[in-house]
Amino acid sequence: NPPPDSVITLHETACVDPGCPLVESVITVFDGP
């Protein structure tokens, strides 16, 4: 239930480092500056 002017993004990244998941998804909420 973020403020109305917030922006929510969903993206995924790949990782090749040992011990890192092959693919990671991230939800990011930009509530303001």
PDB file of all heavy atoms in Angstrom:
ATOM      1  N   ASN A   1       0.829  -1.207   0.000  1.00  0.00           N
ATOM      2  CA  ASN A   1       0.000   0.000   0.000  1.00  0.00           C
ATOM      3  C   ASN A   1       0.868   1.263   0.000  1.00  0.00           C
ATOM      4  O   ASN A   1       0.769   2.096   0.905  1.00  0.00           O
ATOM      5  CB  ASN A   1      -0.958  -0.017   1.191  1.00  0.00           C
ATOM      6  CG  ASN A   1      -2.056   1.002   1.043  1.00  0.00           C
ATOM      7  OD1 ASN A   1      -2.360   1.444  -0.061  1.00  0.00           O
ATOM      8  ND2 ASN A   1      -2.639   1.392   2.159  1.00  0.00           N
ATOM      9  N   PRO A   2       1.716   1.417  -1.027  1.00  0.00           N
ATOM     10  CA  PRO A   2       2.621   2.578  -1.061  1.00  0.00           C
ATOM     11  C   PRO A   2       1.874   3.864  -1.399  1.00  0.00           C
ATOM     12  O   PRO A   2       0.724   3.814  -1.854  1.00  0.00           O
ATOM     13  CB  PRO A   2       3.598   2.219  -2.182  1.00  0.00           C
ATOM     14  CG  PRO A   2       2.781   1.392  -3.113  1.00  0.00           C
ATOM     15  CD  PRO A   2       1.854   0.590  -2.218  1.00  0.00           C
ATOM     16  N   PRO A   3       2.514   5.013  -1.190  1.00  0.00           N
ATOM     17  CA  PRO A   3       1.886   6.276  -1.596  1.00  0.00           C
ATOM     18  C   PRO A   3       1.559   6.237  -3.095  1.00  0.00           C
ATOM     19  O   PRO A   3       2.216   5.541  -3.868  1.00  0.00           O
ATOM     20  CB  PRO A   3       2.969   7.324  -1.306  1.00  0.00           C
ATOM     21  CG  PRO A   3       3.867   6.693  -0.299  1.00  0.00           C
ATOM     22  CD  PRO A   3       3.825   5.213  -0.567  1.00  0.00           C
ATOM     23  N   PRO A   4       0.545   6.996  -3.522  1.00  0.00           N
ATOM     24  CA  PRO A   4       0.103   6.946  -4.921  1.00  0.00           C
ATOM     25  C   PRO A   4       1.177   7.282  -5.955  1.00  0.00           C
ATOM     26  O   PRO A   4       1.125   6.793  -7.078  1.00  0.00           O
ATOM     27  CB  PRO A   4      -1.026   7.977  -4.995  1.00  0.00           C
ATOM     28  CG  PRO A   4      -1.410   8.262  -3.597  1.00  0.00           C
ATOM     29  CD  PRO A   4      -0.267   7.900  -2.724  1.00  0.00           C
ATOM     30  N   ASP A   5       2.149   8.111  -5.590  1.00  0.00           N
ATOM     31  CA  ASP A   5       3.170   8.488  -6.562  1.00  0.00           C
ATOM     32  C   ASP A   5       4.380   7.554  -6.552  1.00  0.00           C
ATOM     33  O   ASP A   5       5.356   7.800  -7.245  1.00  0.00           O
ATOM     34  CB  ASP A   5       3.606   9.934  -6.348  1.00  0.00           C
ATOM     35  CG  ASP A   5       4.147  10.178  -4.947  1.00  0.00           C
ATOM     36  OD1 ASP A   5       3.882   9.345  -4.047  1.00  0.00           O
ATOM     37  OD2 ASP A   5       4.838  11.192  -4.745  1.00  0.00           O
ATOM     38  N   SER A   6       4.323   6.463  -5.789  1.00  0.00           N
ATOM     39  CA  SER A   6       5.422   5.490  -5.769  1.00  0.00           C
ATOM     40  C   SER A   6       5.471   4.702  -7.071  1.00  0.00           C
ATOM     41  O   SER A   6       4.451   4.523  -7.736  1.00  0.00           O
ATOM     42  CB  SER A   6       5.251   4.512  -4.608  1.00  0.00           C
ATOM     43  OG  SER A   6       5.382   5.170  -3.386  1.00  0.00           O
ATOM     44  N   VAL A   7       6.664   4.221  -7.392  1.00  0.00           N
ATOM     45  CA  VAL A   7       6.858   3.394  -8.582  1.00  0.00           C
ATOM     46  C   VAL A   7       7.394   2.046  -8.122  1.00  0.00           C
ATOM     47  O   VAL A   7       8.335   1.974  -7.321  1.00  0.00           O
ATOM     48  CB  VAL A   7       7.861   4.052  -9.557  1.00  0.00           C
ATOM     49  CG1 VAL A   7       8.134   3.146 -10.739  1.00  0.00           C
ATOM     50  CG2 VAL A   7       7.333   5.396 -10.020  1.00  0.00           C
ATOM     51  N   ILE A   8       6.788   0.973  -8.622  1.00  0.00           N
ATOM     52  CA  ILE A   8       7.233  -0.386  -8.293  1.00  0.00           C
ATOM     53  C   ILE A   8       7.784  -1.018  -9.557  1.00  0.00           C
ATOM     54  O   ILE A   8       7.127  -1.007 -10.600  1.00  0.00           O
ATOM     55  CB  ILE A   8       6.074  -1.228  -7.731  1.00  0.00           C
ATOM     56  CG1 ILE A   8       5.582  -0.626  -6.414  1.00  0.00           C
ATOM     57  CG2 ILE A   8       6.505  -2.678  -7.546  1.00  0.00           C
ATOM     58  CD1 ILE A   8       4.387  -1.323  -5.810  1.00  0.00           C
ATOM     59  N   THR A   9       9.006  -1.544  -9.456  1.00  0.00           N
ATOM     60  CA  THR A   9       9.603  -2.236 -10.599  1.00  0.00           C
ATOM     61  C   THR A   9       9.890  -3.681 -10.222  1.00  0.00           C
ATOM     62  O   THR A   9      10.067  -4.013  -9.051  1.00  0.00           O
ATOM     63  CB  THR A   9      10.922  -1.572 -11.052  1.00  0.00           C
ATOM     64  OG1 THR A   9      11.892  -1.676 -10.012  1.00  0.00           O
ATOM     65  CG2 THR A   9      10.709  -0.117 -11.427  1.00  0.00           C
ATOM     66  N   LEU A  10       9.938  -4.529 -11.220  1.00  0.00           N
ATOM     67  CA  LEU A  10      10.296  -5.932 -11.063  1.00  0.00           C
ATOM     68  C   LEU A  10      11.282  -6.251 -12.165  1.00  0.00           C
ATOM     69  O   LEU A  10      10.984  -6.063 -13.345  1.00  0.00           O
ATOM     70  CB  LEU A  10       9.057  -6.826 -11.178  1.00  0.00           C
ATOM     71  CG  LEU A  10       9.307  -8.331 -11.229  1.00  0.00           C
ATOM     72  CD1 LEU A  10       9.946  -8.832  -9.938  1.00  0.00           C
ATOM     73  CD2 LEU A  10       8.015  -9.065 -11.518  1.00  0.00           C
ATOM     74  N   HIS A  11      12.470  -6.675 -11.788  1.00  0.00           N
ATOM     75  CA  HIS A  11      13.432  -7.062 -12.816  1.00  0.00           C
ATOM     76  C   HIS A  11      14.220  -8.269 -12.328  1.00  0.00           C
ATOM     77  O   HIS A  11      14.174  -8.624 -11.148  1.00  0.00           O
ATOM     78  CB  HIS A  11      14.357  -5.903 -13.195  1.00  0.00           C
ATOM     79  CG  HIS A  11      15.352  -5.539 -12.146  1.00  0.00           C
ATOM     80  ND1 HIS A  11      15.054  -4.717 -11.083  1.00  0.00           N
ATOM     81  CD2 HIS A  11      16.645  -5.891 -11.987  1.00  0.00           C
ATOM     82  CE1 HIS A  11      16.128  -4.575 -10.325  1.00  0.00           C
ATOM     83  NE2 HIS A  11      17.095  -5.277 -10.849  1.00  0.00           N
ATOM     84  N   GLU A  12      14.893  -8.914 -13.244  1.00  0.00           N
ATOM     85  CA  GLU A  12      15.732 -10.051 -12.868  1.00  0.00           C
ATOM     86  C   GLU A  12      17.115  -9.884 -13.464  1.00  0.00           C
ATOM     87  O   GLU A  12      17.285  -9.247 -14.510  1.00  0.00           O
ATOM     88  CB  GLU A  12      15.103 -11.381 -13.260  1.00  0.00           C
ATOM     89  CG  GLU A  12      14.865 -11.585 -14.717  1.00  0.00           C
ATOM     90  CD  GLU A  12      14.113 -12.875 -15.007  1.00  0.00           C
ATOM     91  OE1 GLU A  12      13.190 -13.234 -14.267  1.00  0.00           O
ATOM     92  OE2 GLU A  12      14.478 -13.515 -16.002  1.00  0.00           O
ATOM     93  N   THR A  13      18.073 -10.425 -12.757  1.00  0.00           N
ATOM     94  CA  THR A  13      19.458 -10.359 -13.201  1.00  0.00           C
ATOM     95  C   THR A  13      20.073 -11.742 -13.102  1.00  0.00           C
ATOM     96  O   THR A  13      19.642 -12.570 -12.299  1.00  0.00           O
ATOM     97  CB  THR A  13      20.277  -9.376 -12.331  1.00  0.00           C
ATOM     98  OG1 THR A  13      20.200  -9.787 -10.966  1.00  0.00           O
ATOM     99  CG2 THR A  13      19.770  -7.966 -12.458  1.00  0.00           C
ATOM    100  N   ALA A  14      21.068 -11.981 -13.903  1.00  0.00           N
ATOM    101  CA  ALA A  14      21.805 -13.238 -13.871  1.00  0.00           C
ATOM    102  C   ALA A  14      23.099 -13.027 -13.098  1.00  0.00           C
ATOM    103  O   ALA A  14      23.628 -11.924 -13.044  1.00  0.00           O
ATOM    104  CB  ALA A  14      22.110 -13.696 -15.290  1.00  0.00           C
ATOM    105  N   CYS A  15      23.589 -14.089 -12.505  1.00  0.00           N
ATOM    106  CA  CYS A  15      24.836 -14.010 -11.746  1.00  0.00           C
ATOM    107  C   CYS A  15      25.664 -15.258 -12.035  1.00  0.00           C
ATOM    108  O   CYS A  15      25.129 -16.362 -12.054  1.00  0.00           O
ATOM    109  CB  CYS A  15      24.538 -13.914 -10.252  1.00  0.00           C
ATOM    110  SG  CYS A  15      26.020 -13.762  -9.238  1.00  0.00           S
ATOM    111  N   VAL A  16      26.941 -15.065 -12.254  1.00  0.00           N
ATOM    112  CA  VAL A  16      27.827 -16.201 -12.520  1.00  0.00           C
ATOM    113  C   VAL A  16      28.822 -16.408 -11.385  1.00  0.00           C
ATOM    114  O   VAL A  16      29.662 -17.297 -11.453  1.00  0.00           O
ATOM    115  CB  VAL A  16      28.597 -16.019 -13.861  1.00  0.00           C
ATOM    116  CG1 VAL A  16      27.635 -16.051 -15.031  1.00  0.00           C
ATOM    117  CG2 VAL A  16      29.408 -14.747 -13.861  1.00  0.00           C
ATOM    118  N   ASP A  17      28.732 -15.612 -10.324  1.00  0.00           N
ATOM    119  CA  ASP A  17      29.628 -15.767  -9.184  1.00  0.00           C
ATOM    120  C   ASP A  17      29.310 -17.050  -8.422  1.00  0.00           C
ATOM    121  O   ASP A  17      28.142 -17.430  -8.295  1.00  0.00           O
ATOM    122  CB  ASP A  17      29.503 -14.577  -8.224  1.00  0.00           C
ATOM    123  CG  ASP A  17      29.960 -13.272  -8.843  1.00  0.00           C
ATOM    124  OD1 ASP A  17      30.779 -13.332  -9.791  1.00  0.00           O
ATOM    125  OD2 ASP A  17      29.493 -12.211  -8.399  1.00  0.00           O
ATOM    126  N   PRO A  18      30.331 -17.735  -7.879  1.00  0.00           N
ATOM    127  CA  PRO A  18      30.089 -18.946  -7.091  1.00  0.00           C
ATOM    128  C   PRO A  18      29.199 -18.629  -5.881  1.00  0.00           C
ATOM    129  O   PRO A  18      29.349 -17.611  -5.230  1.00  0.00           O
ATOM    130  CB  PRO A  18      31.487 -19.366  -6.626  1.00  0.00           C
ATOM    131  CG  PRO A  18      32.429 -18.658  -7.530  1.00  0.00           C
ATOM    132  CD  PRO A  18      31.744 -17.406  -7.988  1.00  0.00           C
ATOM    133  N   GLY A  19      28.245 -19.504  -5.620  1.00  0.00           N
ATOM    134  CA  GLY A  19      27.356 -19.334  -4.490  1.00  0.00           C
ATOM    135  C   GLY A  19      26.201 -18.376  -4.727  1.00  0.00           C
ATOM    136  O   GLY A  19      25.337 -18.201  -3.888  1.00  0.00           O
ATOM    137  N   CYS A  20      26.178 -17.760  -5.875  1.00  0.00           N
ATOM    138  CA  CYS A  20      25.134 -16.795  -6.229  1.00  0.00           C
ATOM    139  C   CYS A  20      24.044 -17.548  -7.000  1.00  0.00           C
ATOM    140  O   CYS A  20      24.358 -18.450  -7.775  1.00  0.00           O
ATOM    141  CB  CYS A  20      25.768 -15.717  -7.110  1.00  0.00           C
ATOM    142  SG  CYS A  20      24.687 -14.361  -7.526  1.00  0.00           S
ATOM    143  N   PRO A  21      22.765 -17.207  -6.797  1.00  0.00           N
ATOM    144  CA  PRO A  21      21.742 -17.875  -7.619  1.00  0.00           C
ATOM    145  C   PRO A  21      21.940 -17.523  -9.086  1.00  0.00           C
ATOM    146  O   PRO A  21      22.416 -16.435  -9.401  1.00  0.00           O
ATOM    147  CB  PRO A  21      20.423 -17.317  -7.086  1.00  0.00           C
ATOM    148  CG  PRO A  21      20.792 -16.068  -6.373  1.00  0.00           C
ATOM    149  CD  PRO A  21      22.200 -16.208  -5.913  1.00  0.00           C
ATOM    150  N   LEU A  22      21.583 -18.438  -9.964  1.00  0.00           N
ATOM    151  CA  LEU A  22      21.746 -18.182 -11.401  1.00  0.00           C
ATOM    152  C   LEU A  22      20.918 -16.999 -11.851  1.00  0.00           C
ATOM    153  O   LEU A  22      21.341 -16.219 -12.685  1.00  0.00           O
ATOM    154  CB  LEU A  22      21.361 -19.420 -12.209  1.00  0.00           C
ATOM    155  CG  LEU A  22      22.282 -20.619 -12.060  1.00  0.00           C
ATOM    156  CD1 LEU A  22      21.741 -21.794 -12.855  1.00  0.00           C
ATOM    157  CD2 LEU A  22      23.680 -20.271 -12.506  1.00  0.00           C
ATOM    158  N   VAL A  23      19.720 -16.876 -11.298  1.00  0.00           N
ATOM    159  CA  VAL A  23      18.832 -15.768 -11.638  1.00  0.00           C
ATOM    160  C   VAL A  23      18.237 -15.238 -10.344  1.00  0.00           C
ATOM    161  O   VAL A  23      17.818 -16.005  -9.480  1.00  0.00           O
ATOM    162  CB  VAL A  23      17.697 -16.215 -12.583  1.00  0.00           C
ATOM    163  CG1 VAL A  23      16.754 -15.068 -12.881  1.00  0.00           C
ATOM    164  CG2 VAL A  23      18.260 -16.769 -13.879  1.00  0.00           C
ATOM    165  N   GLU A  24      18.201 -13.934 -10.235  1.00  0.00           N
ATOM    166  CA  GLU A  24      17.639 -13.276  -9.063  1.00  0.00           C
ATOM    167  C   GLU A  24      16.610 -12.258  -9.543  1.00  0.00           C
ATOM    168  O   GLU A  24      16.866 -11.508 -10.475  1.00  0.00           O
ATOM    169  CB  GLU A  24      18.766 -12.575  -8.307  1.00  0.00           C
ATOM    170  CG  GLU A  24      18.315 -11.750  -7.139  1.00  0.00           C
ATOM    171  CD  GLU A  24      19.475 -11.061  -6.464  1.00  0.00           C
ATOM    172  OE1 GLU A  24      19.910 -10.008  -6.983  1.00  0.00           O
ATOM    173  OE2 GLU A  24      19.935 -11.567  -5.447  1.00  0.00           O
ATOM    174  N   SER A  25      15.442 -12.255  -8.907  1.00  0.00           N
ATOM    175  CA  SER A  25      14.423 -11.257  -9.210  1.00  0.00           C
ATOM    176  C   SER A  25      14.396 -10.246  -8.076  1.00  0.00           C
ATOM    177  O   SER A  25      14.612 -10.596  -6.919  1.00  0.00           O
ATOM    178  CB  SER A  25      13.041 -11.906  -9.340  1.00  0.00           C
ATOM    179  OG  SER A  25      13.030 -12.799 -10.418  1.00  0.00           O
ATOM    180  N   VAL A  26      14.135  -8.992  -8.411  1.00  0.00           N
ATOM    181  CA  VAL A  26      14.137  -7.924  -7.419  1.00  0.00           C
ATOM    182  C   VAL A  26      12.895  -7.063  -7.601  1.00  0.00           C
ATOM    183  O   VAL A  26      12.603  -6.612  -8.708  1.00  0.00           O
ATOM    184  CB  VAL A  26      15.399  -7.033  -7.553  1.00  0.00           C
ATOM    185  CG1 VAL A  26      15.397  -5.926  -6.504  1.00  0.00           C
ATOM    186  CG2 VAL A  26      16.668  -7.861  -7.459  1.00  0.00           C
ATOM    187  N   ILE A  27      12.174  -6.869  -6.498  1.00  0.00           N
ATOM    188  CA  ILE A  27      11.091  -5.885  -6.474  1.00  0.00           C
ATOM    189  C   ILE A  27      11.672  -4.646  -5.820  1.00  0.00           C
ATOM    190  O   ILE A  27      12.215  -4.707  -4.712  1.00  0.00           O
ATOM    191  CB  ILE A  27       9.871  -6.380  -5.677  1.00  0.00           C
ATOM    192  CG1 ILE A  27       9.206  -7.549  -6.396  1.00  0.00           C
ATOM    193  CG2 ILE A  27       8.864  -5.239  -5.458  1.00  0.00           C
ATOM    194  CD1 ILE A  27       8.031  -8.158  -5.658  1.00  0.00           C
ATOM    195  N   THR A  28      11.585  -3.518  -6.510  1.00  0.00           N
ATOM    196  CA  THR A  28      12.097  -2.246  -5.999  1.00  0.00           C
ATOM    197  C   THR A  28      10.941  -1.257  -5.942  1.00  0.00           C
ATOM    198  O   THR A  28      10.156  -1.156  -6.881  1.00  0.00           O
ATOM    199  CB  THR A  28      13.206  -1.691  -6.913  1.00  0.00           C
ATOM    200  OG1 THR A  28      14.224  -2.681  -7.058  1.00  0.00           O
ATOM    201  CG2 THR A  28      13.820  -0.424  -6.321  1.00  0.00           C
ATOM    202  N   VAL A  29      10.857  -0.546  -4.828  1.00  0.00           N
ATOM    203  CA  VAL A  29       9.827   0.472  -4.652  1.00  0.00           C
ATOM    204  C   VAL A  29      10.522   1.813  -4.491  1.00  0.00           C
ATOM    205  O   VAL A  29      11.360   1.984  -3.600  1.00  0.00           O
ATOM    206  CB  VAL A  29       8.935   0.187  -3.425  1.00  0.00           C
ATOM    207  CG1 VAL A  29       7.872   1.262  -3.269  1.00  0.00           C
ATOM    208  CG2 VAL A  29       8.295  -1.192  -3.534  1.00  0.00           C
ATOM    209  N   PHE A  30      10.195   2.737  -5.382  1.00  0.00           N
ATOM    210  CA  PHE A  30      10.718   4.093  -5.330  1.00  0.00           C
ATOM    211  C   PHE A  30       9.617   4.972  -4.726  1.00  0.00           C
ATOM    212  O   PHE A  30       8.641   5.286  -5.400  1.00  0.00           O
ATOM    213  CB  PHE A  30      11.073   4.595  -6.734  1.00  0.00           C
ATOM    214  CG  PHE A  30      12.132   3.770  -7.417  1.00  0.00           C
ATOM    215  CD1 PHE A  30      11.783   2.707  -8.227  1.00  0.00           C
ATOM    216  CD2 PHE A  30      13.464   4.070  -7.232  1.00  0.00           C
ATOM    217  CE1 PHE A  30      12.750   1.943  -8.853  1.00  0.00           C
ATOM    218  CE2 PHE A  30      14.442   3.314  -7.863  1.00  0.00           C
ATOM    219  CZ  PHE A  30      14.089   2.253  -8.662  1.00  0.00           C
ATOM    220  N   ASP A  31       9.768   5.316  -3.442  1.00  0.00           N
ATOM    221  CA  ASP A  31       8.755   6.119  -2.763  1.00  0.00           C
ATOM    222  C   ASP A  31       8.975   7.609  -2.949  1.00  0.00           C
ATOM    223  O   ASP A  31       8.082   8.404  -2.709  1.00  0.00           O
ATOM    224  CB  ASP A  31       8.729   5.800  -1.268  1.00  0.00           C
ATOM    225  CG  ASP A  31       8.151   4.417  -1.006  1.00  0.00           C
ATOM    226  OD1 ASP A  31       7.162   4.050  -1.656  1.00  0.00           O
ATOM    227  OD2 ASP A  31       8.687   3.714  -0.137  1.00  0.00           O
ATOM    228  N   GLY A  32      10.154   8.005  -3.338  1.00  0.00           N
ATOM    229  CA  GLY A  32      10.476   9.410  -3.516  1.00  0.00           C
ATOM    230  C   GLY A  32      11.984   9.548  -3.614  1.00  0.00           C
ATOM    231  O   GLY A  32      12.716   8.563  -3.480  1.00  0.00           O
ATOM    232  N   PRO A  33      12.463  10.745  -3.827  1.00  0.00           N
ATOM    233  CA  PRO A  33      13.913  10.942  -3.942  1.00  0.00           C
ATOM    234  C   PRO A  33      14.650  10.429  -2.697  1.00  0.00           C
ATOM    235  O   PRO A  33      14.327  10.819  -1.573  1.00  0.00           O
ATOM    236  CB  PRO A  33      14.063  12.455  -4.076  1.00  0.00           C
ATOM    237  CG  PRO A  33      12.739  12.930  -4.575  1.00  0.00           C
ATOM    238  CD  PRO A  33      11.719  11.993  -3.992  1.00  0.00           C
TER     239      PRO A  33
END
